[in-house]
């Protein structure tokens, strides 16, 4: 099967591949033997003068057979790419089209024809602005000359894209996470917006059902902590009927739906070659 990789958690995929088989092919040789038989028919007729005495012609048929054997060694260097490692893991995946099938927790699965959407888009765009070094060199003198950029980077270490998926032709919904890094999270120069064009295939480990707002991280924890602190201060001054509701971080966080959570290994686009 041909596929193009949008995202791949290489460390997870490599570890699973090593558990399946810890042998990585780096070189192969083909040895062939080629045999040649030389058949020569020699006709010699001798009419030597010294045999004229006997008035006899001497005829000799000589057949000579020989065999040559040689070895041809062709060496091929096999490039070990991410796609080759991932393809070995994908061979062990159960291809499912619906979560109504008998799927056990911890099972390797591949789900095709999934349309994805970003749940934490507003928050994510803000986080990306902080994490790309926009506040590099900025310090807070009133907080002991605290480095603002390092503070944000430490808060965002466990931050992730939260993606909701819907299987084409099914009412089942799933959710996956992609860890946010300070470099590039995606393969082949793709970005998160490329995942929302058309359908993709999800490869991962089935982990059961969960609510979408149960996926927490450090940034959200401190954000909620700050909101609670502000609410307590506001309550001393304002009447409770004017309290503002907390801002919604995820588009579907209050829908009450149990989502099928997939511990994500890769997101790929299956390629259909011309037959």
C-alpha atoms as a PDB file:
ATOM      1  CA  UNK A   1       0.000   0.000   0.000  1.00  0.00           C
ATOM      2  CA  UNK A   2       1.258   3.450  -0.896  1.00  0.00           C
ATOM      3  CA  UNK A   3       0.709   6.309   1.520  1.00  0.00           C
ATOM      4  CA  UNK A   4       1.909   9.821   2.234  1.00  0.00           C
ATOM      5  CA  UNK A   5       2.735  10.756   5.832  1.00  0.00           C
ATOM      6  CA  UNK A   6       1.181  13.904   7.328  1.00  0.00           C
ATOM      7  CA  UNK A   7       2.175  13.195  10.914  1.00  0.00           C
ATOM      8  CA  UNK A   8       4.132  10.414  12.613  1.00  0.00           C
ATOM      9  CA  UNK A   9       5.192   9.883  16.218  1.00  0.00           C
ATOM     10  CA  UNK A  10       8.447   8.221  15.230  1.00  0.00           C
ATOM     11  CA  UNK A  11       9.544   7.169  18.718  1.00  0.00           C
ATOM     12  CA  UNK A  12       6.276   5.283  19.329  1.00  0.00           C
ATOM     13  CA  UNK A  13       6.211   3.688  15.880  1.00  0.00           C
ATOM     14  CA  UNK A  14       9.877   2.656  16.087  1.00  0.00           C
ATOM     15  CA  UNK A  15       9.399   1.077  19.507  1.00  0.00           C
ATOM     16  CA  UNK A  16       6.405  -0.969  18.322  1.00  0.00           C
ATOM     17  CA  UNK A  17       8.294  -2.027  15.192  1.00  0.00           C
ATOM     18  CA  UNK A  18      11.182  -3.252  17.359  1.00  0.00           C
ATOM     19  CA  UNK A  19       8.754  -5.313  19.440  1.00  0.00           C
ATOM     20  CA  UNK A  20       7.351  -6.883  16.288  1.00  0.00           C
ATOM     21  CA  UNK A  21      10.803  -7.540  14.841  1.00  0.00           C
ATOM     22  CA  UNK A  22      14.117  -6.121  15.996  1.00  0.00           C
ATOM     23  CA  UNK A  23      15.802  -6.843  12.662  1.00  0.00           C
ATOM     24  CA  UNK A  24      16.239  -3.953  10.279  1.00  0.00           C
ATOM     25  CA  UNK A  25      17.278  -4.797   6.741  1.00  0.00           C
ATOM     26  CA  UNK A  26      20.143  -2.641   5.546  1.00  0.00           C
ATOM     27  CA  UNK A  27      21.654  -4.673   2.687  1.00  0.00           C
ATOM     28  CA  UNK A  28      20.762  -7.677   0.571  1.00  0.00           C
ATOM     29  CA  UNK A  29      22.796  -9.879  -1.793  1.00  0.00           C
ATOM     30  CA  UNK A  30      21.671 -12.111  -4.595  1.00  0.00           C
ATOM     31  CA  UNK A  31      23.952 -15.004  -5.517  1.00  0.00           C
ATOM     32  CA  UNK A  32      23.454 -16.805  -8.810  1.00  0.00           C
ATOM     33  CA  UNK A  33      25.377 -19.629 -10.424  1.00  0.00           C
ATOM     34  CA  UNK A  34      25.687 -19.808 -14.147  1.00  0.00           C
ATOM     35  CA  UNK A  35      26.827 -23.047 -15.813  1.00  0.00           C
ATOM     36  CA  UNK A  36      28.106 -23.255 -19.364  1.00  0.00           C
ATOM     37  CA  UNK A  37      28.785 -26.533 -21.145  1.00  0.00           C
ATOM     38  CA  UNK A  38      31.129 -26.445 -24.021  1.00  0.00           C
ATOM     39  CA  UNK A  39      30.354 -29.134 -26.583  1.00  0.00           C
ATOM     40  CA  UNK A  40      32.953 -29.442 -29.301  1.00  0.00           C
ATOM     41  CA  UNK A  41      32.941 -32.086 -31.930  1.00  0.00           C
ATOM     42  CA  UNK A  42      36.255 -32.567 -33.597  1.00  0.00           C
ATOM     43  CA  UNK A  43      36.653 -34.712 -36.634  1.00  0.00           C
ATOM     44  CA  UNK A  44      40.180 -35.668 -37.437  1.00  0.00           C
ATOM     45  CA  UNK A  45      41.167 -37.828 -40.211  1.00  0.00           C
ATOM     46  CA  UNK A  46      44.739 -38.742 -40.510  1.00  0.00           C
ATOM     47  CA  UNK A  47      46.256 -39.855 -43.728  1.00  0.00           C
ATOM     48  CA  UNK A  48      49.863 -39.787 -42.743  1.00  0.00           C
ATOM     49  CA  UNK A  49      52.420 -40.998 -45.182  1.00  0.00           C
ATOM     50  CA  UNK A  50      53.820 -43.363 -42.698  1.00  0.00           C
ATOM     51  CA  UNK A  51      50.376 -45.024 -42.465  1.00  0.00           C
ATOM     52  CA  UNK A  52      50.093 -45.404 -46.236  1.00  0.00           C
ATOM     53  CA  UNK A  53      51.832 -48.628 -45.618  1.00  0.00           C
ATOM     54  CA  UNK A  54      48.644 -49.995 -44.225  1.00  0.00           C
ATOM     55  CA  UNK A  55      46.459 -48.266 -46.842  1.00  0.00           C
ATOM     56  CA  UNK A  56      44.177 -47.249 -44.095  1.00  0.00           C
ATOM     57  CA  UNK A  57      42.370 -43.998 -43.197  1.00  0.00           C
ATOM     58  CA  UNK A  58      42.127 -43.384 -39.521  1.00  0.00           C
ATOM     59  CA  UNK A  59      39.059 -41.454 -38.351  1.00  0.00           C
ATOM     60  CA  UNK A  60      38.583 -40.055 -34.830  1.00  0.00           C
ATOM     61  CA  UNK A  61      35.508 -38.390 -33.354  1.00  0.00           C
ATOM     62  CA  UNK A  62      36.411 -36.358 -30.299  1.00  0.00           C
ATOM     63  CA  UNK A  63      33.733 -34.784 -28.009  1.00  0.00           C
ATOM     64  CA  UNK A  64      35.005 -32.510 -25.330  1.00  0.00           C
ATOM     65  CA  UNK A  65      32.775 -31.400 -22.490  1.00  0.00           C
ATOM     66  CA  UNK A  66      33.616 -28.666 -19.983  1.00  0.00           C
ATOM     67  CA  UNK A  67      31.628 -26.739 -17.425  1.00  0.00           C
ATOM     68  CA  UNK A  68      32.234 -23.212 -16.217  1.00  0.00           C
ATOM     69  CA  UNK A  69      30.619 -22.042 -12.963  1.00  0.00           C
ATOM     70  CA  UNK A  70      30.701 -18.491 -11.809  1.00  0.00           C
ATOM     71  CA  UNK A  71      28.986 -16.499  -9.044  1.00  0.00           C
ATOM     72  CA  UNK A  72      27.309 -13.185  -9.553  1.00  0.00           C
ATOM     73  CA  UNK A  73      26.820 -11.117  -6.408  1.00  0.00           C
ATOM     74  CA  UNK A  74      24.437  -8.194  -6.684  1.00  0.00           C
ATOM     75  CA  UNK A  75      24.334  -5.963  -3.639  1.00  0.00           C
ATOM     76  CA  UNK A  76      21.402  -3.688  -2.918  1.00  0.00           C
ATOM     77  CA  UNK A  77      21.373  -1.031  -0.249  1.00  0.00           C
ATOM     78  CA  UNK A  78      17.952  -0.729   1.346  1.00  0.00           C
ATOM     79  CA  UNK A  79      17.212   2.766   2.639  1.00  0.00           C
ATOM     80  CA  UNK A  80      15.418   2.535   5.989  1.00  0.00           C
ATOM     81  CA  UNK A  81      12.868   5.335   5.852  1.00  0.00           C
ATOM     82  CA  UNK A  82      10.065   6.309   8.195  1.00  0.00           C
ATOM     83  CA  UNK A  83       7.490   5.008   5.736  1.00  0.00           C
ATOM     84  CA  UNK A  84       9.074   1.540   5.654  1.00  0.00           C
ATOM     85  CA  UNK A  85       9.075   1.303   9.445  1.00  0.00           C
ATOM     86  CA  UNK A  86       5.492   2.557   9.610  1.00  0.00           C
ATOM     87  CA  UNK A  87       4.355   0.119   6.904  1.00  0.00           C
ATOM     88  CA  UNK A  88       5.511  -2.839   9.020  1.00  0.00           C
ATOM     89  CA  UNK A  89       3.444  -1.574  11.939  1.00  0.00           C
ATOM     90  CA  UNK A  90       0.444  -0.943   9.662  1.00  0.00           C
ATOM     91  CA  UNK A  91       0.534  -4.581   8.537  1.00  0.00           C
ATOM     92  CA  UNK A  92      -0.333  -5.558  12.123  1.00  0.00           C
ATOM     93  CA  UNK A  93      -3.212  -3.082  12.412  1.00  0.00           C
ATOM     94  CA  UNK A  94      -6.855  -4.072  12.422  1.00  0.00           C
ATOM     95  CA  UNK A  95      -8.603  -2.041   9.718  1.00  0.00           C
ATOM     96  CA  UNK A  96     -11.925  -0.838  11.116  1.00  0.00           C
ATOM     97  CA  UNK A  97     -14.738   1.195   9.623  1.00  0.00           C
ATOM     98  CA  UNK A  98     -16.849   1.515  12.759  1.00  0.00           C
ATOM     99  CA  UNK A  99     -16.346   1.375  16.510  1.00  0.00           C
ATOM    100  CA  UNK A 100     -19.370  -0.871  16.805  1.00  0.00           C
ATOM    101  CA  UNK A 101     -17.029  -3.723  15.891  1.00  0.00           C
ATOM    102  CA  UNK A 102     -15.472  -5.846  18.609  1.00  0.00           C
ATOM    103  CA  UNK A 103     -12.426  -3.730  19.452  1.00  0.00           C
ATOM    104  CA  UNK A 104     -10.448  -4.267  22.629  1.00  0.00           C
ATOM    105  CA  UNK A 105      -8.425  -1.643  24.467  1.00  0.00           C
ATOM    106  CA  UNK A 106      -4.794  -1.671  23.405  1.00  0.00           C
ATOM    107  CA  UNK A 107      -5.529  -2.939  19.898  1.00  0.00           C
ATOM    108  CA  UNK A 108      -3.557  -1.561  16.958  1.00  0.00           C
ATOM    109  CA  UNK A 109      -6.068  -0.049  14.551  1.00  0.00           C
ATOM    110  CA  UNK A 110      -6.181   1.747  11.215  1.00  0.00           C
ATOM    111  CA  UNK A 111      -9.225   3.877  10.453  1.00  0.00           C
ATOM    112  CA  UNK A 112      -9.677   5.095   6.898  1.00  0.00           C
ATOM    113  CA  UNK A 113     -11.836   7.912   5.516  1.00  0.00           C
ATOM    114  CA  UNK A 114     -11.665  10.137   8.592  1.00  0.00           C
ATOM    115  CA  UNK A 115     -12.449  13.847   8.362  1.00  0.00           C
ATOM    116  CA  UNK A 116     -10.657  15.887  11.049  1.00  0.00           C
ATOM    117  CA  UNK A 117     -11.382  19.226  12.690  1.00  0.00           C
ATOM    118  CA  UNK A 118      -9.442  21.250  15.250  1.00  0.00           C
ATOM    119  CA  UNK A 119     -11.116  21.625  18.625  1.00  0.00           C
ATOM    120  CA  UNK A 120      -8.774  24.115  20.326  1.00  0.00           C
ATOM    121  CA  UNK A 121      -8.145  26.408  17.360  1.00  0.00           C
ATOM    122  CA  UNK A 122      -8.516  29.786  19.125  1.00  0.00           C
ATOM    123  CA  UNK A 123      -6.329  28.761  22.024  1.00  0.00           C
ATOM    124  CA  UNK A 124      -3.822  27.041  19.763  1.00  0.00           C
ATOM    125  CA  UNK A 125      -3.222  30.090  17.587  1.00  0.00           C
ATOM    126  CA  UNK A 126      -2.425  32.057  20.741  1.00  0.00           C
ATOM    127  CA  UNK A 127      -0.096  29.365  22.056  1.00  0.00           C
ATOM    128  CA  UNK A 128       1.745  29.213  18.720  1.00  0.00           C
ATOM    129  CA  UNK A 129       2.363  32.945  18.932  1.00  0.00           C
ATOM    130  CA  UNK A 130       3.936  32.535  22.383  1.00  0.00           C
ATOM    131  CA  UNK A 131       5.936  29.431  21.495  1.00  0.00           C
ATOM    132  CA  UNK A 132       7.579  30.799  18.324  1.00  0.00           C
ATOM    133  CA  UNK A 133       9.858  33.122  20.307  1.00  0.00           C
ATOM    134  CA  UNK A 134       7.758  36.283  20.111  1.00  0.00           C
ATOM    135  CA  UNK A 135       8.645  37.099  23.720  1.00  0.00           C
ATOM    136  CA  UNK A 136      12.278  36.027  23.569  1.00  0.00           C
ATOM    137  CA  UNK A 137      14.443  38.275  25.741  1.00  0.00           C
ATOM    138  CA  UNK A 138      11.485  39.784  27.586  1.00  0.00           C
ATOM    139  CA  UNK A 139      11.865  39.789  31.383  1.00  0.00           C
ATOM    140  CA  UNK A 140       9.682  40.852  34.297  1.00  0.00           C
ATOM    141  CA  UNK A 141      11.693  42.972  36.785  1.00  0.00           C
ATOM    142  CA  UNK A 142       8.861  42.875  39.343  1.00  0.00           C
ATOM    143  CA  UNK A 143       9.090  39.042  39.346  1.00  0.00           C
ATOM    144  CA  UNK A 144      12.810  38.809  39.979  1.00  0.00           C
ATOM    145  CA  UNK A 145      13.792  39.400  36.358  1.00  0.00           C
ATOM    146  CA  UNK A 146      11.809  36.342  35.250  1.00  0.00           C
ATOM    147  CA  UNK A 147      12.385  35.234  31.644  1.00  0.00           C
ATOM    148  CA  UNK A 148       8.915  35.305  30.074  1.00  0.00           C
ATOM    149  CA  UNK A 149       9.873  33.168  27.066  1.00  0.00           C
ATOM    150  CA  UNK A 150      11.262  30.345  29.233  1.00  0.00           C
ATOM    151  CA  UNK A 151       8.166  30.511  31.417  1.00  0.00           C
ATOM    152  CA  UNK A 152       5.842  30.012  28.455  1.00  0.00           C
ATOM    153  CA  UNK A 153       8.016  27.268  26.965  1.00  0.00           C
ATOM    154  CA  UNK A 154       7.878  25.273  30.189  1.00  0.00           C
ATOM    155  CA  UNK A 155       4.083  25.662  30.339  1.00  0.00           C
ATOM    156  CA  UNK A 156       3.668  24.481  26.742  1.00  0.00           C
ATOM    157  CA  UNK A 157       5.805  21.318  26.982  1.00  0.00           C
ATOM    158  CA  UNK A 158       2.721  19.093  27.257  1.00  0.00           C
ATOM    159  CA  UNK A 159       0.444  21.196  25.070  1.00  0.00           C
ATOM    160  CA  UNK A 160      -1.130  19.482  22.065  1.00  0.00           C
ATOM    161  CA  UNK A 161      -3.408  19.851  19.065  1.00  0.00           C
ATOM    162  CA  UNK A 162      -6.778  18.294  19.879  1.00  0.00           C
ATOM    163  CA  UNK A 163      -8.394  16.873  16.778  1.00  0.00           C
ATOM    164  CA  UNK A 164     -11.909  15.500  16.480  1.00  0.00           C
ATOM    165  CA  UNK A 165     -12.569  12.946  13.775  1.00  0.00           C
ATOM    166  CA  UNK A 166     -15.651  11.573  12.072  1.00  0.00           C
ATOM    167  CA  UNK A 167     -15.616   8.382  10.024  1.00  0.00           C
ATOM    168  CA  UNK A 168     -17.204   8.733   6.600  1.00  0.00           C
ATOM    169  CA  UNK A 169     -20.434   6.739   6.494  1.00  0.00           C
ATOM    170  CA  UNK A 170     -20.614   6.275  10.263  1.00  0.00           C
ATOM    171  CA  UNK A 171     -21.881   8.259  13.243  1.00  0.00           C
ATOM    172  CA  UNK A 172     -18.865   7.271  15.357  1.00  0.00           C
ATOM    173  CA  UNK A 173     -16.539  10.040  16.501  1.00  0.00           C
ATOM    174  CA  UNK A 174     -12.956   9.863  17.659  1.00  0.00           C
ATOM    175  CA  UNK A 175     -10.392  12.181  19.184  1.00  0.00           C
ATOM    176  CA  UNK A 176      -6.605  12.271  18.903  1.00  0.00           C
ATOM    177  CA  UNK A 177      -3.808  14.497  20.193  1.00  0.00           C
ATOM    178  CA  UNK A 178      -0.653  15.729  18.480  1.00  0.00           C
ATOM    179  CA  UNK A 179       2.009  17.100  20.854  1.00  0.00           C
ATOM    180  CA  UNK A 180       3.036  20.670  20.111  1.00  0.00           C
ATOM    181  CA  UNK A 181       6.773  21.045  19.586  1.00  0.00           C
ATOM    182  CA  UNK A 182       8.909  24.117  19.113  1.00  0.00           C
ATOM    183  CA  UNK A 183      10.078  22.860  15.727  1.00  0.00           C
ATOM    184  CA  UNK A 184       7.885  21.128  13.163  1.00  0.00           C
ATOM    185  CA  UNK A 185       5.303  18.592  14.302  1.00  0.00           C
ATOM    186  CA  UNK A 186       4.405  17.428  10.814  1.00  0.00           C
ATOM    187  CA  UNK A 187       6.190  15.509   8.081  1.00  0.00           C
ATOM    188  CA  UNK A 188       7.013  16.608   4.533  1.00  0.00           C
ATOM    189  CA  UNK A 189       6.483  20.326   5.235  1.00  0.00           C
ATOM    190  CA  UNK A 190       2.781  19.869   5.991  1.00  0.00           C
ATOM    191  CA  UNK A 191       0.984  21.898   8.657  1.00  0.00           C
ATOM    192  CA  UNK A 192      -2.117  21.310  10.741  1.00  0.00           C
ATOM    193  CA  UNK A 193      -4.420  22.970   8.195  1.00  0.00           C
ATOM    194  CA  UNK A 194      -3.517  20.328   5.593  1.00  0.00           C
ATOM    195  CA  UNK A 195      -5.206  17.687   7.756  1.00  0.00           C
ATOM    196  CA  UNK A 196      -8.626  19.251   7.212  1.00  0.00           C
ATOM    197  CA  UNK A 197      -8.604  18.966   3.412  1.00  0.00           C
ATOM    198  CA  UNK A 198     -10.288  15.730   2.389  1.00  0.00           C
ATOM    199  CA  UNK A 199     -10.151  12.490   4.392  1.00  0.00           C
ATOM    200  CA  UNK A 200      -7.142  10.868   6.033  1.00  0.00           C
ATOM    201  CA  UNK A 201      -6.256   7.541   7.659  1.00  0.00           C
ATOM    202  CA  UNK A 202      -5.559   7.284  11.392  1.00  0.00           C
ATOM    203  CA  UNK A 203      -3.086   4.716  12.754  1.00  0.00           C
ATOM    204  CA  UNK A 204      -2.934   4.240  16.504  1.00  0.00           C
ATOM    205  CA  UNK A 205      -3.814   2.292  19.634  1.00  0.00           C
ATOM    206  CA  UNK A 206      -7.422   2.146  20.777  1.00  0.00           C
ATOM    207  CA  UNK A 207      -7.740   3.422  24.362  1.00  0.00           C
ATOM    208  CA  UNK A 208     -11.488   3.347  24.982  1.00  0.00           C
ATOM    209  CA  UNK A 209     -13.958   6.203  25.408  1.00  0.00           C
ATOM    210  CA  UNK A 210     -13.481   9.602  27.021  1.00  0.00           C
ATOM    211  CA  UNK A 211     -15.044  13.047  27.204  1.00  0.00           C
ATOM    212  CA  UNK A 212     -13.320  15.664  25.115  1.00  0.00           C
ATOM    213  CA  UNK A 213     -12.866  18.073  28.044  1.00  0.00           C
ATOM    214  CA  UNK A 214     -10.980  15.431  30.062  1.00  0.00           C
ATOM    215  CA  UNK A 215      -7.828  15.966  27.987  1.00  0.00           C
ATOM    216  CA  UNK A 216      -5.958  18.394  30.221  1.00  0.00           C
ATOM    217  CA  UNK A 217      -2.510  19.975  30.081  1.00  0.00           C
ATOM    218  CA  UNK A 218      -0.415  22.371  32.177  1.00  0.00           C
ATOM    219  CA  UNK A 219      -1.454  25.479  30.256  1.00  0.00           C
ATOM    220  CA  UNK A 220      -5.147  24.736  30.776  1.00  0.00           C
ATOM    221  CA  UNK A 221      -4.534  23.970  34.452  1.00  0.00           C
ATOM    222  CA  UNK A 222      -2.944  27.359  35.100  1.00  0.00           C
ATOM    223  CA  UNK A 223      -5.570  29.020  32.935  1.00  0.00           C
ATOM    224  CA  UNK A 224      -8.365  27.557  35.056  1.00  0.00           C
ATOM    225  CA  UNK A 225      -6.457  28.450  38.207  1.00  0.00           C
ATOM    226  CA  UNK A 226      -6.243  32.051  37.062  1.00  0.00           C
ATOM    227  CA  UNK A 227      -9.947  32.140  36.233  1.00  0.00           C
ATOM    228  CA  UNK A 228     -10.854  30.821  39.685  1.00  0.00           C
ATOM    229  CA  UNK A 229      -8.621  33.422  41.317  1.00  0.00           C
ATOM    230  CA  UNK A 230     -10.220  36.223  39.297  1.00  0.00           C
ATOM    231  CA  UNK A 231     -13.706  34.924  40.128  1.00  0.00           C
ATOM    232  CA  UNK A 232     -12.968  34.998  43.857  1.00  0.00           C
ATOM    233  CA  UNK A 233     -11.675  38.568  43.657  1.00  0.00           C
ATOM    234  CA  UNK A 234     -14.660  39.667  41.553  1.00  0.00           C
ATOM    235  CA  UNK A 235     -17.116  38.057  43.950  1.00  0.00           C
ATOM    236  CA  UNK A 236     -16.026  40.430  46.711  1.00  0.00           C
ATOM    237  CA  UNK A 237     -16.955  43.444  44.627  1.00  0.00           C
ATOM    238  CA  UNK A 238     -19.689  42.341  42.226  1.00  0.00           C
ATOM    239  CA  UNK A 239     -22.975  40.627  42.753  1.00  0.00           C
ATOM    240  CA  UNK A 240     -22.975  36.950  41.737  1.00  0.00           C
ATOM    241  CA  UNK A 241     -25.637  37.546  39.087  1.00  0.00           C
ATOM    242  CA  UNK A 242     -23.084  39.471  37.027  1.00  0.00           C
ATOM    243  CA  UNK A 243     -20.435  36.759  37.070  1.00  0.00           C
ATOM    244  CA  UNK A 244     -19.132  35.852  33.656  1.00  0.00           C
ATOM    245  CA  UNK A 245     -19.165  32.239  32.499  1.00  0.00           C
ATOM    246  CA  UNK A 246     -15.720  30.739  31.886  1.00  0.00           C
ATOM    247  CA  UNK A 247     -14.524  30.993  28.307  1.00  0.00           C
ATOM    248  CA  UNK A 248     -14.959  27.896  26.169  1.00  0.00           C
ATOM    249  CA  UNK A 249     -11.587  26.493  25.113  1.00  0.00           C
ATOM    250  CA  UNK A 250     -12.814  23.541  23.033  1.00  0.00           C
ATOM    251  CA  UNK A 251     -15.565  23.709  20.444  1.00  0.00           C
ATOM    252  CA  UNK A 252     -17.259  20.503  21.676  1.00  0.00           C
ATOM    253  CA  UNK A 253     -16.242  20.441  25.331  1.00  0.00           C
ATOM    254  CA  UNK A 254     -19.836  20.638  26.614  1.00  0.00           C
ATOM    255  CA  UNK A 255     -21.495  18.254  24.158  1.00  0.00           C
ATOM    256  CA  UNK A 256     -21.465  15.342  26.632  1.00  0.00           C
ATOM    257  CA  UNK A 257     -20.447  12.830  23.929  1.00  0.00           C
ATOM    258  CA  UNK A 258     -18.172   9.894  24.695  1.00  0.00           C
ATOM    259  CA  UNK A 259     -15.421   9.971  22.085  1.00  0.00           C
ATOM    260  CA  UNK A 260     -13.296   7.019  21.031  1.00  0.00           C
ATOM    261  CA  UNK A 261      -9.764   7.980  22.023  1.00  0.00           C
ATOM    262  CA  UNK A 262      -6.903   6.830  19.791  1.00  0.00           C
ATOM    263  CA  UNK A 263      -3.329   7.002  21.060  1.00  0.00           C
ATOM    264  CA  UNK A 264      -2.012   8.435  17.825  1.00  0.00           C
ATOM    265  CA  UNK A 265       0.903   6.862  15.947  1.00  0.00           C
ATOM    266  CA  UNK A 266       0.470   8.454  12.528  1.00  0.00           C
ATOM    267  CA  UNK A 267      -1.837  10.286  10.157  1.00  0.00           C
ATOM    268  CA  UNK A 268      -1.427   9.334   6.507  1.00  0.00           C
ATOM    269  CA  UNK A 269      -3.035   9.855   3.134  1.00  0.00           C
ATOM    270  CA  UNK A 270      -3.523   6.617   1.229  1.00  0.00           C
ATOM    271  CA  UNK A 271      -2.225   7.041  -2.338  1.00  0.00           C
ATOM    272  CA  UNK A 272      -4.045   5.318  -5.222  1.00  0.00           C
ATOM    273  CA  UNK A 273      -1.503   4.568  -7.972  1.00  0.00           C
ATOM    274  CA  UNK A 274      -2.521   4.077 -11.572  1.00  0.00           C
ATOM    275  CA  UNK A 275      -3.032   0.389 -12.312  1.00  0.00           C
END
